[in-house]
């Protein structure tokens, strides 16, 4: 089987297809790379396939910021242009003119 190419890239802002959260991608796994316990904890009717890219997000919803691990099938581009308020975003990224994020070069003062 040919490996899938990730649709989304590091620094891209995405939103969940079903749930009200969004975030910045900071890492990509070419296929599922979490625990079976994590995967089994997802209700079977919405459980994603393991043979697709999975994304690590600095995520946020209306109430809080957190880390999310989301399958490609459950993500859409976020075109709102709104900044992501997760506190770790500014440690790793700078905001690009297009609303996405670029990895910082050099150290922050």
Protein backbone atom coordinates (compact mmCIF):
# COMPACT_ATOMS: atom_id res chain seq x y z
CA UNK A 1 0.00 0.00 0.00
CA UNK A 2 1.28 3.43 -0.93
CA UNK A 3 1.67 5.78 2.06
CA UNK A 4 -0.81 8.64 2.15
CA UNK A 5 0.47 12.17 1.75
CA UNK A 6 -0.66 14.53 4.50
CA UNK A 7 -3.21 17.11 3.33
CA UNK A 8 -2.29 19.61 6.03
CA UNK A 9 1.08 21.02 7.03
CA UNK A 10 2.88 22.17 10.15
CA UNK A 11 1.72 25.66 11.09
CA UNK A 12 -1.62 25.34 9.32
CA UNK A 13 -4.76 26.32 11.22
CA UNK A 14 -7.45 23.64 11.07
CA UNK A 15 -10.82 22.93 12.65
CA UNK A 16 -12.55 19.70 13.57
CA UNK A 17 -15.21 18.51 11.15
CA UNK A 18 -17.69 17.54 13.91
CA UNK A 19 -16.64 19.16 17.19
CA UNK A 20 -16.27 22.87 17.98
CA UNK A 21 -12.49 23.21 18.25
CA UNK A 22 -9.63 24.46 16.12
CA UNK A 23 -5.87 24.57 16.38
CA UNK A 24 -2.41 24.87 14.86
CA UNK A 25 -0.68 21.71 13.61
CA UNK A 26 2.70 21.22 15.27
CA UNK A 27 3.46 17.62 14.24
CA UNK A 28 2.17 14.97 11.82
CA UNK A 29 2.23 11.18 12.07
CA UNK A 30 1.92 9.43 8.66
CA UNK A 31 -0.35 6.82 10.28
CA UNK A 32 -1.92 6.40 13.73
CA UNK A 33 0.78 6.45 16.39
CA UNK A 34 -1.01 6.61 19.72
CA UNK A 35 -2.07 3.87 22.18
CA UNK A 36 -4.72 1.27 21.45
CA UNK A 37 -6.43 2.39 24.68
CA UNK A 38 -6.74 5.92 23.25
CA UNK A 39 -8.14 4.58 19.97
CA UNK A 40 -10.58 2.21 21.72
CA UNK A 41 -11.86 5.10 23.86
CA UNK A 42 -13.35 6.72 20.74
CA UNK A 43 -16.96 5.60 20.17
CA UNK A 44 -16.95 2.93 17.45
CA UNK A 45 -19.38 4.79 15.19
CA UNK A 46 -16.97 7.76 14.91
CA UNK A 47 -13.65 5.93 15.37
CA UNK A 48 -11.24 6.93 12.57
CA UNK A 49 -9.21 4.57 10.41
CA UNK A 50 -5.61 4.09 11.56
CA UNK A 51 -4.13 4.13 8.03
CA UNK A 52 -4.23 7.89 7.52
CA UNK A 53 -2.21 10.87 8.75
CA UNK A 54 -2.87 11.99 12.33
CA UNK A 55 -2.13 15.53 13.49
CA UNK A 56 -0.90 16.95 16.79
CA UNK A 57 -2.63 20.27 17.45
CA UNK A 58 -2.26 23.15 19.84
CA UNK A 59 -6.04 23.23 20.15
CA UNK A 60 -8.69 25.48 21.65
CA UNK A 61 -12.41 25.58 22.11
CA UNK A 62 -14.63 28.25 23.67
CA UNK A 63 -13.58 27.25 27.21
CA UNK A 64 -9.95 26.13 27.19
CA UNK A 65 -6.71 25.35 25.37
CA UNK A 66 -5.28 21.83 25.14
CA UNK A 67 -3.34 19.35 22.99
CA UNK A 68 -5.36 17.29 20.50
CA UNK A 69 -4.55 14.28 18.31
CA UNK A 70 -6.86 14.19 15.30
CA UNK A 71 -7.23 12.04 12.20
CA UNK A 72 -7.04 13.69 8.80
CA UNK A 73 -10.62 12.62 7.96
CA UNK A 74 -11.88 14.78 10.84
CA UNK A 75 -10.08 18.01 9.92
CA UNK A 76 -10.92 20.91 7.64
CA UNK A 77 -8.90 24.06 6.90
CA UNK A 78 -9.84 26.95 9.22
CA UNK A 79 -10.19 30.01 7.00
CA UNK A 80 -11.42 32.39 9.72
CA UNK A 81 -8.06 34.20 9.90
CA UNK A 82 -8.45 34.43 13.69
CA UNK A 83 -5.30 33.87 15.75
CA UNK A 84 -5.07 30.73 17.89
CA UNK A 85 -4.75 31.65 21.57
CA UNK A 86 -3.07 28.44 22.81
CA UNK A 87 -0.07 29.60 24.93
CA UNK A 88 2.44 27.25 23.28
CA UNK A 89 1.80 28.62 19.78
CA UNK A 90 3.97 31.70 20.37
CA UNK A 91 6.81 29.55 21.74
CA UNK A 92 7.18 27.66 18.45
CA UNK A 93 5.58 29.77 15.73
CA UNK A 94 5.31 33.28 14.39
CA UNK A 95 2.11 34.37 12.69
CA UNK A 96 2.28 34.55 8.90
CA UNK A 97 0.55 37.18 6.80
CA UNK A 98 -1.92 34.59 5.46
CA UNK A 99 -3.16 33.80 9.00
CA UNK A 100 -1.20 30.56 9.28
CA UNK A 101 1.93 30.07 11.35
CA UNK A 102 5.61 29.58 10.55
CA UNK A 103 8.17 27.84 12.74
CA UNK A 104 10.31 30.37 14.61
CA UNK A 105 13.91 30.67 13.56
CA UNK A 106 16.45 31.52 16.24
CA UNK A 107 15.64 32.08 19.90
CA UNK A 108 13.09 34.36 21.42
CA UNK A 109 14.33 36.98 23.87
